[in-house]
Amino acid sequence: MRLFLEQYGTSRFEDEANPRPIVARAGYVRKLNDGSLEYLFLIETFKSEVCKGYSAESIASELARRGFLIRGEQDRLTSRVRIGTDTTADNRVSVYRISGRLLSE
């Protein structure tokens, strides 16, 4: 997970506040109120690229156990989040929410 973010954190994650075209998008990145980053991994990218050869559910569970995965409603490993600043649009997607703290610990 850390390697994927180190390699692709700026090239494959669309900044929610400053959208730009992204080739082979892996997800979105957002800055939280406290200044920290949160990476929103698209589910299929998480499964097929980040966890390639391993169980995505097992990896997500371990990330949650270590405090790096932010759980969704009803304690799910994935979350439904609104992307972008338009709160009137139905622009919610399912993602794995990973804390940017992963890069500093």
PDB file of N, CA and C in Angstrom:
ATOM      1  N   MET A   1       0.829  -1.181   0.000  1.00  0.00           N
ATOM      2  CA  MET A   1       0.000   0.000   0.000  1.00  0.00           C
ATOM      3  C   MET A   1       0.881   1.255   0.000  1.00  0.00           C
ATOM      4  N   ARG A   2       1.849   1.264   0.900  1.00  0.00           N
ATOM      5  CA  ARG A   2       2.738   2.432   0.981  1.00  0.00           C
ATOM      6  C   ARG A   2       3.482   2.630  -0.337  1.00  0.00           C
ATOM      7  N   LEU A   3       3.985   1.555  -0.925  1.00  0.00           N
ATOM      8  CA  LEU A   3       4.705   1.644  -2.194  1.00  0.00           C
ATOM      9  C   LEU A   3       3.804   2.211  -3.286  1.00  0.00           C
ATOM     10  N   PHE A   4       2.561   1.745  -3.359  1.00  0.00           N
ATOM     11  CA  PHE A   4       1.635   2.235  -4.378  1.00  0.00           C
ATOM     12  C   PHE A   4       1.428   3.744  -4.220  1.00  0.00           C
ATOM     13  N   LEU A   5       1.231   4.206  -2.999  1.00  0.00           N
ATOM     14  CA  LEU A   5       1.022   5.642  -2.763  1.00  0.00           C
ATOM     15  C   LEU A   5       2.288   6.444  -3.044  1.00  0.00           C
ATOM     16  N   GLU A   6       3.441   5.890  -2.696  1.00  0.00           N
ATOM     17  CA  GLU A   6       4.691   6.586  -2.979  1.00  0.00           C
ATOM     18  C   GLU A   6       4.910   6.724  -4.483  1.00  0.00           C
ATOM     19  N   GLN A   7       4.583   5.679  -5.230  1.00  0.00           N
ATOM     20  CA  GLN A   7       4.803   5.704  -6.678  1.00  0.00           C
ATOM     21  C   GLN A   7       3.763   6.521  -7.429  1.00  0.00           C
ATOM     22  N   TYR A   8       2.499   6.435  -7.007  1.00  0.00           N
ATOM     23  CA  TYR A   8       1.418   7.001  -7.804  1.00  0.00           C
ATOM     24  C   TYR A   8       0.573   8.052  -7.091  1.00  0.00           C
ATOM     25  N   GLY A   9       0.967   8.456  -5.902  1.00  0.00           N
ATOM     26  CA  GLY A   9       0.156   9.380  -5.109  1.00  0.00           C
ATOM     27  C   GLY A   9      -0.177  10.681  -5.802  1.00  0.00           C
ATOM     28  N   THR A  10       0.721  11.192  -6.637  1.00  0.00           N
ATOM     29  CA  THR A  10       0.443  12.458  -7.325  1.00  0.00           C
ATOM     30  C   THR A  10      -0.006  12.272  -8.765  1.00  0.00           C
ATOM     31  N   SER A  11       0.218  11.106  -9.338  1.00  0.00           N
ATOM     32  CA  SER A  11      -0.125  10.939 -10.750  1.00  0.00           C
ATOM     33  C   SER A  11      -1.436  10.201 -11.012  1.00  0.00           C
ATOM     34  N   ARG A  12      -1.878   9.352 -10.089  1.00  0.00           N
ATOM     35  CA  ARG A  12      -3.059   8.531 -10.368  1.00  0.00           C
ATOM     36  C   ARG A  12      -4.244   8.828  -9.456  1.00  0.00           C
ATOM     37  N   PHE A  13      -4.117   9.868  -8.621  1.00  0.00           N
ATOM     38  CA  PHE A  13      -5.207  10.258  -7.736  1.00  0.00           C
ATOM     39  C   PHE A  13      -5.637  11.673  -8.082  1.00  0.00           C
ATOM     40  N   GLU A  14      -6.894  11.805  -8.414  1.00  0.00           N
ATOM     41  CA  GLU A  14      -7.429  13.126  -8.762  1.00  0.00           C
ATOM     42  C   GLU A  14      -7.680  13.921  -7.486  1.00  0.00           C
ATOM     43  N   ASP A  15      -7.154  15.132  -7.452  1.00  0.00           N
ATOM     44  CA  ASP A  15      -7.371  16.019  -6.309  1.00  0.00           C
ATOM     45  C   ASP A  15      -8.813  16.497  -6.358  1.00  0.00           C
ATOM     46  N   GLU A  16      -9.540  16.197  -5.330  1.00  0.00           N
ATOM     47  CA  GLU A  16     -10.962  16.532  -5.270  1.00  0.00           C
ATOM     48  C   GLU A  16     -11.192  18.038  -5.405  1.00  0.00           C
ATOM     49  N   ALA A  17     -10.307  18.843  -4.844  1.00  0.00           N
ATOM     50  CA  ALA A  17     -10.478  20.293  -4.868  1.00  0.00           C
ATOM     51  C   ALA A  17      -9.999  20.921  -6.168  1.00  0.00           C
ATOM     52  N   ASN A  18      -9.083  20.267  -6.867  1.00  0.00           N
ATOM     53  CA  ASN A  18      -8.523  20.798  -8.117  1.00  0.00           C
ATOM     54  C   ASN A  18      -8.529  19.714  -9.182  1.00  0.00           C
ATOM     55  N   PRO A  19      -9.703  19.364  -9.697  1.00  0.00           N
ATOM     56  CA  PRO A  19      -9.769  18.262 -10.665  1.00  0.00           C
ATOM     57  C   PRO A  19      -8.975  18.548 -11.940  1.00  0.00           C
ATOM     58  N   ARG A  20      -8.347  17.505 -12.443  1.00  0.00           N
ATOM     59  CA  ARG A  20      -7.620  17.556 -13.707  1.00  0.00           C
ATOM     60  C   ARG A  20      -7.698  16.170 -14.340  1.00  0.00           C
ATOM     61  N   PRO A  21      -7.472  16.083 -15.629  1.00  0.00           N
ATOM     62  CA  PRO A  21      -7.512  14.755 -16.261  1.00  0.00           C
ATOM     63  C   PRO A  21      -6.431  13.841 -15.681  1.00  0.00           C
ATOM     64  N   ILE A  22      -6.815  12.611 -15.384  1.00  0.00           N
ATOM     65  CA  ILE A  22      -5.904  11.616 -14.825  1.00  0.00           C
ATOM     66  C   ILE A  22      -5.924  10.381 -15.717  1.00  0.00           C
ATOM     67  N   VAL A  23      -4.752   9.930 -16.110  1.00  0.00           N
ATOM     68  CA  VAL A  23      -4.630   8.708 -16.893  1.00  0.00           C
ATOM     69  C   VAL A  23      -4.563   7.541 -15.913  1.00  0.00           C
ATOM     70  N   ALA A  24      -5.359   6.507 -16.144  1.00  0.00           N
ATOM     71  CA  ALA A  24      -5.386   5.308 -15.292  1.00  0.00           C
ATOM     72  C   ALA A  24      -5.651   5.673 -13.832  1.00  0.00           C
ATOM     73  N   ARG A  25      -6.728   6.414 -13.609  1.00  0.00           N
ATOM     74  CA  ARG A  25      -7.079   6.878 -12.262  1.00  0.00           C
ATOM     75  C   ARG A  25      -7.209   5.709 -11.301  1.00  0.00           C
ATOM     76  N   ALA A  26      -6.546   5.845 -10.135  1.00  0.00           N
ATOM     77  CA  ALA A  26      -6.658   4.854  -9.066  1.00  0.00           C
ATOM     78  C   ALA A  26      -7.673   5.300  -8.025  1.00  0.00           C
ATOM     79  N   GLY A  27      -7.974   6.594  -8.015  1.00  0.00           N
ATOM     80  CA  GLY A  27      -8.928   7.125  -7.057  1.00  0.00           C
ATOM     81  C   GLY A  27      -8.811   8.617  -6.914  1.00  0.00           C
ATOM     82  N   TYR A  28      -9.119   9.094  -5.728  1.00  0.00           N
ATOM     83  CA  TYR A  28      -9.149  10.531  -5.453  1.00  0.00           C
ATOM     84  C   TYR A  28      -8.363  10.797  -4.179  1.00  0.00           C
ATOM     85  N   VAL A  29      -7.892  12.018  -4.050  1.00  0.00           N
ATOM     86  CA  VAL A  29      -7.226  12.439  -2.823  1.00  0.00           C
ATOM     87  C   VAL A  29      -7.926  13.702  -2.353  1.00  0.00           C
ATOM     88  N   ARG A  30      -8.113  13.793  -1.049  1.00  0.00           N
ATOM     89  CA  ARG A  30      -8.743  14.990  -0.489  1.00  0.00           C
ATOM     90  C   ARG A  30      -7.974  15.440   0.739  1.00  0.00           C
ATOM     91  N   LYS A  31      -7.983  16.756   0.926  1.00  0.00           N
ATOM     92  CA  LYS A  31      -7.367  17.345   2.105  1.00  0.00           C
ATOM     93  C   LYS A  31      -8.451  17.530   3.151  1.00  0.00           C
ATOM     94  N   LEU A  32      -8.216  17.017   4.343  1.00  0.00           N
ATOM     95  CA  LEU A  32      -9.182  17.108   5.423  1.00  0.00           C
ATOM     96  C   LEU A  32      -9.009  18.422   6.182  1.00  0.00           C
ATOM     97  N   ASN A  33      -9.960  18.739   7.019  1.00  0.00           N
ATOM     98  CA  ASN A  33      -9.937  19.994   7.773  1.00  0.00           C
ATOM     99  C   ASN A  33      -8.676  20.171   8.609  1.00  0.00           C
ATOM    100  N   ASP A  34      -8.094  19.067   9.088  1.00  0.00           N
ATOM    101  CA  ASP A  34      -6.891  19.169   9.919  1.00  0.00           C
ATOM    102  C   ASP A  34      -5.612  19.251   9.089  1.00  0.00           C
ATOM    103  N   GLY A  35      -5.750  19.296   7.753  1.00  0.00           N
ATOM    104  CA  GLY A  35      -4.604  19.405   6.858  1.00  0.00           C
ATOM    105  C   GLY A  35      -4.049  18.084   6.379  1.00  0.00           C
ATOM    106  N   SER A  36      -4.515  16.978   6.948  1.00  0.00           N
ATOM    107  CA  SER A  36      -4.032  15.656   6.528  1.00  0.00           C
ATOM    108  C   SER A  36      -4.707  15.243   5.216  1.00  0.00           C
ATOM    109  N   LEU A  37      -4.135  14.243   4.575  1.00  0.00           N
ATOM    110  CA  LEU A  37      -4.680  13.733   3.318  1.00  0.00           C
ATOM    111  C   LEU A  37      -5.415  12.420   3.542  1.00  0.00           C
ATOM    112  N   GLU A  38      -6.367  12.170   2.666  1.00  0.00           N
ATOM    113  CA  GLU A  38      -7.108  10.915   2.652  1.00  0.00           C
ATOM    114  C   GLU A  38      -7.160  10.441   1.203  1.00  0.00           C
ATOM    115  N   TYR A  39      -6.777   9.198   0.978  1.00  0.00           N
ATOM    116  CA  TYR A  39      -6.789   8.607  -0.360  1.00  0.00           C
ATOM    117  C   TYR A  39      -8.031   7.739  -0.498  1.00  0.00           C
ATOM    118  N   LEU A  40      -8.780   7.968  -1.563  1.00  0.00           N
ATOM    119  CA  LEU A  40     -10.020   7.233  -1.826  1.00  0.00           C
ATOM    120  C   LEU A  40      -9.753   6.303  -3.011  1.00  0.00           C
ATOM    121  N   PHE A  41      -9.494   5.051  -2.707  1.00  0.00           N
ATOM    122  CA  PHE A  41      -9.169   4.063  -3.750  1.00  0.00           C
ATOM    123  C   PHE A  41     -10.438   3.521  -4.388  1.00  0.00           C
ATOM    124  N   LEU A  42     -10.510   3.567  -5.712  1.00  0.00           N
ATOM    125  CA  LEU A  42     -11.606   2.909  -6.415  1.00  0.00           C
ATOM    126  C   LEU A  42     -11.487   1.409  -6.150  1.00  0.00           C
ATOM    127  N   ILE A  43     -12.612   0.766  -5.984  1.00  0.00           N
ATOM    128  CA  ILE A  43     -12.631  -0.624  -5.524  1.00  0.00           C
ATOM    129  C   ILE A  43     -11.889  -1.574  -6.464  1.00  0.00           C
ATOM    130  N   GLU A  44     -12.145  -1.494  -7.744  1.00  0.00           N
ATOM    131  CA  GLU A  44     -11.498  -2.439  -8.663  1.00  0.00           C
ATOM    132  C   GLU A  44     -10.000  -2.224  -8.754  1.00  0.00           C
ATOM    133  N   THR A  45      -9.547  -0.991  -8.675  1.00  0.00           N
ATOM    134  CA  THR A  45      -8.107  -0.715  -8.673  1.00  0.00           C
ATOM    135  C   THR A  45      -7.470  -1.272  -7.414  1.00  0.00           C
ATOM    136  N   PHE A  46      -8.135  -1.089  -6.289  1.00  0.00           N
ATOM    137  CA  PHE A  46      -7.630  -1.624  -5.023  1.00  0.00           C
ATOM    138  C   PHE A  46      -7.480  -3.139  -5.117  1.00  0.00           C
ATOM    139  N   LYS A  47      -8.503  -3.797  -5.650  1.00  0.00           N
ATOM    140  CA  LYS A  47      -8.477  -5.259  -5.742  1.00  0.00           C
ATOM    141  C   LYS A  47      -7.454  -5.761  -6.750  1.00  0.00           C
ATOM    142  N   SER A  48      -7.455  -5.188  -7.965  1.00  0.00           N
ATOM    143  CA  SER A  48      -6.653  -5.750  -9.051  1.00  0.00           C
ATOM    144  C   SER A  48      -5.210  -5.263  -9.096  1.00  0.00           C
ATOM    145  N   GLU A  49      -4.930  -4.072  -8.570  1.00  0.00           N
ATOM    146  CA  GLU A  49      -3.563  -3.557  -8.633  1.00  0.00           C
ATOM    147  C   GLU A  49      -2.875  -3.505  -7.274  1.00  0.00           C
ATOM    148  N   VAL A  50      -3.508  -2.889  -6.308  1.00  0.00           N
ATOM    149  CA  VAL A  50      -2.883  -2.726  -4.999  1.00  0.00           C
ATOM    150  C   VAL A  50      -2.739  -4.079  -4.302  1.00  0.00           C
ATOM    151  N   CYS A  51      -3.759  -4.900  -4.383  1.00  0.00           N
ATOM    152  CA  CYS A  51      -3.771  -6.180  -3.673  1.00  0.00           C
ATOM    153  C   CYS A  51      -3.502  -7.363  -4.597  1.00  0.00           C
ATOM    154  N   LYS A  52      -2.978  -7.115  -5.758  1.00  0.00           N
ATOM    155  CA  LYS A  52      -2.767  -8.159  -6.759  1.00  0.00           C
ATOM    156  C   LYS A  52      -2.117  -9.396  -6.137  1.00  0.00           C
ATOM    157  N   GLY A  53      -2.806 -10.527  -6.276  1.00  0.00           N
ATOM    158  CA  GLY A  53      -2.294 -11.782  -5.755  1.00  0.00           C
ATOM    159  C   GLY A  53      -2.670 -12.066  -4.310  1.00  0.00           C
ATOM    160  N   TYR A  54      -3.335 -11.115  -3.671  1.00  0.00           N
ATOM    161  CA  TYR A  54      -3.729 -11.268  -2.266  1.00  0.00           C
ATOM    162  C   TYR A  54      -5.210 -10.960  -2.118  1.00  0.00           C
ATOM    163  N   SER A  55      -5.768 -11.305  -1.005  1.00  0.00           N
ATOM    164  CA  SER A  55      -7.170 -11.026  -0.718  1.00  0.00           C
ATOM    165  C   SER A  55      -7.325  -9.550  -0.344  1.00  0.00           C
ATOM    166  N   ALA A  56      -8.106  -8.828  -1.135  1.00  0.00           N
ATOM    167  CA  ALA A  56      -8.348  -7.410  -0.860  1.00  0.00           C
ATOM    168  C   ALA A  56      -9.029  -7.234   0.490  1.00  0.00           C
ATOM    169  N   GLU A  57      -9.924  -8.130   0.831  1.00  0.00           N
ATOM    170  CA  GLU A  57     -10.622  -8.031   2.107  1.00  0.00           C
ATOM    171  C   GLU A  57      -9.658  -8.216   3.282  1.00  0.00           C
ATOM    172  N   SER A  58      -8.724  -9.149   3.147  1.00  0.00           N
ATOM    173  CA  SER A  58      -7.739  -9.370   4.209  1.00  0.00           C
ATOM    174  C   SER A  58      -6.825  -8.159   4.377  1.00  0.00           C
ATOM    175  N   ILE A  59      -6.393  -7.597   3.266  1.00  0.00           N
ATOM    176  CA  ILE A  59      -5.523  -6.429   3.336  1.00  0.00           C
ATOM    177  C   ILE A  59      -6.276  -5.242   3.919  1.00  0.00           C
ATOM    178  N   ALA A  60      -7.512  -5.025   3.475  1.00  0.00           N
ATOM    179  CA  ALA A  60      -8.322  -3.928   4.009  1.00  0.00           C
ATOM    180  C   ALA A  60      -8.566  -4.119   5.506  1.00  0.00           C
ATOM    181  N   SER A  61      -8.834  -5.341   5.922  1.00  0.00           N
ATOM    182  CA  SER A  61      -9.045  -5.622   7.353  1.00  0.00           C
ATOM    183  C   SER A  61      -7.800  -5.312   8.167  1.00  0.00           C
ATOM    184  N   GLU A  62      -6.641  -5.681   7.647  1.00  0.00           N
ATOM    185  CA  GLU A  62      -5.391  -5.408   8.355  1.00  0.00           C
ATOM    186  C   GLU A  62      -5.110  -3.902   8.400  1.00  0.00           C
ATOM    187  N   LEU A  63      -5.380  -3.199   7.324  1.00  0.00           N
ATOM    188  CA  LEU A  63      -5.209  -1.748   7.330  1.00  0.00           C
ATOM    189  C   LEU A  63      -6.140  -1.103   8.360  1.00  0.00           C
ATOM    190  N   ALA A  64      -7.357  -1.617   8.463  1.00  0.00           N
ATOM    191  CA  ALA A  64      -8.306  -1.100   9.461  1.00  0.00           C
ATOM    192  C   ALA A  64      -7.792  -1.393  10.871  1.00  0.00           C
ATOM    193  N   ARG A  65      -7.292  -2.583  11.080  1.00  0.00           N
ATOM    194  CA  ARG A  65      -6.771  -2.961  12.393  1.00  0.00           C
ATOM    195  C   ARG A  65      -5.631  -2.047  12.811  1.00  0.00           C
ATOM    196  N   ARG A  66      -4.814  -1.634  11.850  1.00  0.00           N
ATOM    197  CA  ARG A  66      -3.675  -0.762  12.138  1.00  0.00           C
ATOM    198  C   ARG A  66      -4.054   0.723  12.180  1.00  0.00           C
ATOM    199  N   GLY A  67      -5.327   1.006  11.873  1.00  0.00           N
ATOM    200  CA  GLY A  67      -5.802   2.391  11.951  1.00  0.00           C
ATOM    201  C   GLY A  67      -5.598   3.216  10.700  1.00  0.00           C
ATOM    202  N   PHE A  68      -5.294   2.578   9.569  1.00  0.00           N
ATOM    203  CA  PHE A  68      -5.072   3.314   8.330  1.00  0.00           C
ATOM    204  C   PHE A  68      -6.284   3.318   7.400  1.00  0.00           C
ATOM    205  N   LEU A  69      -7.180   2.383   7.551  1.00  0.00           N
ATOM    206  CA  LEU A  69      -8.393   2.334   6.738  1.00  0.00           C
ATOM    207  C   LEU A  69      -9.540   2.915   7.566  1.00  0.00           C
ATOM    208  N   ILE A  70     -10.254   3.847   6.979  1.00  0.00           N
ATOM    209  CA  ILE A  70     -11.392   4.466   7.646  1.00  0.00           C
ATOM    210  C   ILE A  70     -12.635   3.690   7.222  1.00  0.00           C
ATOM    211  N   ARG A  71     -13.274   3.081   8.177  1.00  0.00           N
ATOM    212  CA  ARG A  71     -14.434   2.243   7.877  1.00  0.00           C
ATOM    213  C   ARG A  71     -15.646   3.078   7.491  1.00  0.00           C
ATOM    214  N   GLY A  72     -16.535   2.448   6.719  1.00  0.00           N
ATOM    215  CA  GLY A  72     -17.766   3.089   6.289  1.00  0.00           C
ATOM    216  C   GLY A  72     -18.914   2.800   7.239  1.00  0.00           C
ATOM    217  N   GLU A  73     -20.108   3.073   6.765  1.00  0.00           N
ATOM    218  CA  GLU A  73     -21.315   2.835   7.554  1.00  0.00           C
ATOM    219  C   GLU A  73     -21.407   1.367   7.939  1.00  0.00           C
ATOM    220  N   GLN A  74     -21.971   1.118   9.088  1.00  0.00           N
ATOM    221  CA  GLN A  74     -22.171  -0.225   9.622  1.00  0.00           C
ATOM    222  C   GLN A  74     -20.865  -1.017   9.680  1.00  0.00           C
ATOM    223  N   ASP A  75     -19.760  -0.290   9.921  1.00  0.00           N
ATOM    224  CA  ASP A  75     -18.443  -0.887  10.099  1.00  0.00           C
ATOM    225  C   ASP A  75     -17.921  -1.609   8.852  1.00  0.00           C
ATOM    226  N   ARG A  76     -18.399  -1.218   7.685  1.00  0.00           N
ATOM    227  CA  ARG A  76     -17.940  -1.833   6.434  1.00  0.00           C
ATOM    228  C   ARG A  76     -16.515  -1.400   6.115  1.00  0.00           C
ATOM    229  N   LEU A  77     -15.824  -2.212   5.344  1.00  0.00           N
ATOM    230  CA  LEU A  77     -14.473  -1.868   4.926  1.00  0.00           C
ATOM    231  C   LEU A  77     -14.483  -0.801   3.834  1.00  0.00           C
ATOM    232  N   THR A  78     -15.558  -0.693   3.088  1.00  0.00           N
ATOM    233  CA  THR A  78     -15.685   0.333   2.061  1.00  0.00           C
ATOM    234  C   THR A  78     -16.639   1.429   2.530  1.00  0.00           C
ATOM    235  N   SER A  79     -16.525   2.574   1.874  1.00  0.00           N
ATOM    236  CA  SER A  79     -17.376   3.718   2.202  1.00  0.00           C
ATOM    237  C   SER A  79     -18.005   4.268   0.937  1.00  0.00           C
ATOM    238  N   ARG A  80     -19.188   4.820   1.071  1.00  0.00           N
ATOM    239  CA  ARG A  80     -19.830   5.558  -0.024  1.00  0.00           C
ATOM    240  C   ARG A  80     -19.559   7.026   0.253  1.00  0.00           C
ATOM    241  N   VAL A  81     -18.810   7.678  -0.642  1.00  0.00           N
ATOM    242  CA  VAL A  81     -18.443   9.076  -0.436  1.00  0.00           C
ATOM    243  C   VAL A  81     -18.850   9.921  -1.634  1.00  0.00           C
ATOM    244  N   ARG A  82     -19.103  11.177  -1.357  1.00  0.00           N
ATOM    245  CA  ARG A  82     -19.409  12.152  -2.399  1.00  0.00           C
ATOM    246  C   ARG A  82     -18.083  12.715  -2.895  1.00  0.00           C
ATOM    247  N   ILE A  83     -17.909  12.742  -4.201  1.00  0.00           N
ATOM    248  CA  ILE A  83     -16.689  13.246  -4.813  1.00  0.00           C
ATOM    249  C   ILE A  83     -16.955  14.648  -5.346  1.00  0.00           C
ATOM    250  N   GLY A  84     -16.046  15.543  -5.082  1.00  0.00           N
ATOM    251  CA  GLY A  84     -16.162  16.907  -5.581  1.00  0.00           C
ATOM    252  C   GLY A  84     -16.889  17.812  -4.605  1.00  0.00           C
ATOM    253  N   THR A  85     -17.106  19.028  -5.043  1.00  0.00           N
ATOM    254  CA  THR A  85     -17.694  20.035  -4.165  1.00  0.00           C
ATOM    255  C   THR A  85     -19.182  20.247  -4.410  1.00  0.00           C
ATOM    256  N   ASP A  86     -19.744  19.643  -5.442  1.00  0.00           N
ATOM    257  CA  ASP A  86     -21.172  19.803  -5.737  1.00  0.00           C
ATOM    258  C   ASP A  86     -21.982  18.885  -4.828  1.00  0.00           C
ATOM    259  N   THR A  87     -22.599  19.464  -3.814  1.00  0.00           N
ATOM    260  CA  THR A  87     -23.359  18.656  -2.852  1.00  0.00           C
ATOM    261  C   THR A  87     -24.765  18.352  -3.331  1.00  0.00           C
ATOM    262  N   THR A  88     -25.180  18.931  -4.456  1.00  0.00           N
ATOM    263  CA  THR A  88     -26.526  18.661  -4.965  1.00  0.00           C
ATOM    264  C   THR A  88     -26.541  17.472  -5.923  1.00  0.00           C
ATOM    265  N   ALA A  89     -25.400  17.148  -6.487  1.00  0.00           N
ATOM    266  CA  ALA A  89     -25.330  16.057  -7.465  1.00  0.00           C
ATOM    267  C   ALA A  89     -25.260  14.708  -6.768  1.00  0.00           C
ATOM    268  N   ASP A  90     -25.755  13.694  -7.455  1.00  0.00           N
ATOM    269  CA  ASP A  90     -25.646  12.329  -6.940  1.00  0.00           C
ATOM    270  C   ASP A  90     -24.327  11.761  -7.442  1.00  0.00           C
ATOM    271  N   ASN A  91     -23.251  12.134  -6.784  1.00  0.00           N
ATOM    272  CA  ASN A  91     -21.911  11.766  -7.229  1.00  0.00           C
ATOM    273  C   ASN A  91     -21.177  10.945  -6.175  1.00  0.00           C
ATOM    274  N   ARG A  92     -21.883  10.024  -5.558  1.00  0.00           N
ATOM    275  CA  ARG A  92     -21.282   9.160  -4.542  1.00  0.00           C
ATOM    276  C   ARG A  92     -20.742   7.890  -5.187  1.00  0.00           C
ATOM    277  N   VAL A  93     -19.568   7.486  -4.735  1.00  0.00           N
ATOM    278  CA  VAL A  93     -18.940   6.259  -5.230  1.00  0.00           C
ATOM    279  C   VAL A  93     -18.469   5.430  -4.035  1.00  0.00           C
ATOM    280  N   SER A  94     -18.332   4.145  -4.258  1.00  0.00           N
ATOM    281  CA  SER A  94     -17.791   3.260  -3.223  1.00  0.00           C
ATOM    282  C   SER A  94     -16.278   3.236  -3.337  1.00  0.00           C
ATOM    283  N   VAL A  95     -15.609   3.401  -2.206  1.00  0.00           N
ATOM    284  CA  VAL A  95     -14.152   3.459  -2.186  1.00  0.00           C
ATOM    285  C   VAL A  95     -13.609   2.822  -0.908  1.00  0.00           C
ATOM    286  N   TYR A  96     -12.325   2.549  -0.936  1.00  0.00           N
ATOM    287  CA  TYR A  96     -11.586   2.223   0.272  1.00  0.00           C
ATOM    288  C   TYR A  96     -10.923   3.527   0.698  1.00  0.00           C
ATOM    289  N   ARG A  97     -11.203   3.986   1.902  1.00  0.00           N
ATOM    290  CA  ARG A  97     -10.649   5.259   2.409  1.00  0.00           C
ATOM    291  C   ARG A  97      -9.399   4.967   3.226  1.00  0.00           C
ATOM    292  N   ILE A  98      -8.267   5.457   2.734  1.00  0.00           N
ATOM    293  CA  ILE A  98      -6.980   5.212   3.376  1.00  0.00           C
ATOM    294  C   ILE A  98      -6.404   6.535   3.874  1.00  0.00           C
ATOM    295  N   SER A  99      -6.033   6.547   5.144  1.00  0.00           N
ATOM    296  CA  SER A  99      -5.448   7.738   5.747  1.00  0.00           C
ATOM    297  C   SER A  99      -4.054   7.991   5.193  1.00  0.00           C
ATOM    298  N   GLY A 100      -3.755   9.247   4.886  1.00  0.00           N
ATOM    299  CA  GLY A 100      -2.431   9.620   4.426  1.00  0.00           C
ATOM    300  C   GLY A 100      -1.354   9.415   5.480  1.00  0.00           C
ATOM    301  N   ARG A 101      -1.758   9.182   6.746  1.00  0.00           N
ATOM    302  CA  ARG A 101      -0.799   8.881   7.808  1.00  0.00           C
ATOM    303  C   ARG A 101       0.045   7.652   7.471  1.00  0.00           C
ATOM    304  N   LEU A 102      -0.491   6.807   6.619  1.00  0.00           N
ATOM    305  CA  LEU A 102       0.231   5.598   6.215  1.00  0.00           C
ATOM    306  C   LEU A 102       1.621   5.948   5.663  1.00  0.00           C
ATOM    307  N   LEU A 103       1.737   7.075   5.005  1.00  0.00           N
ATOM    308  CA  LEU A 103       3.001   7.475   4.406  1.00  0.00           C
ATOM    309  C   LEU A 103       4.011   7.980   5.420  1.00  0.00           C
ATOM    310  N   SER A 104       3.545   8.389   6.573  1.00  0.00           N
ATOM    311  CA  SER A 104       4.468   8.979   7.552  1.00  0.00           C
ATOM    312  C   SER A 104       4.782   8.043   8.720  1.00  0.00           C
ATOM    313  N   GLU A 105       4.157   6.886   8.764  1.00  0.00           N
ATOM    314  CA  GLU A 105       4.409   5.962   9.884  1.00  0.00           C
ATOM    315  C   GLU A 105       5.105   4.706   9.415  1.00  0.00           C
TER     316      GLU A 105
END
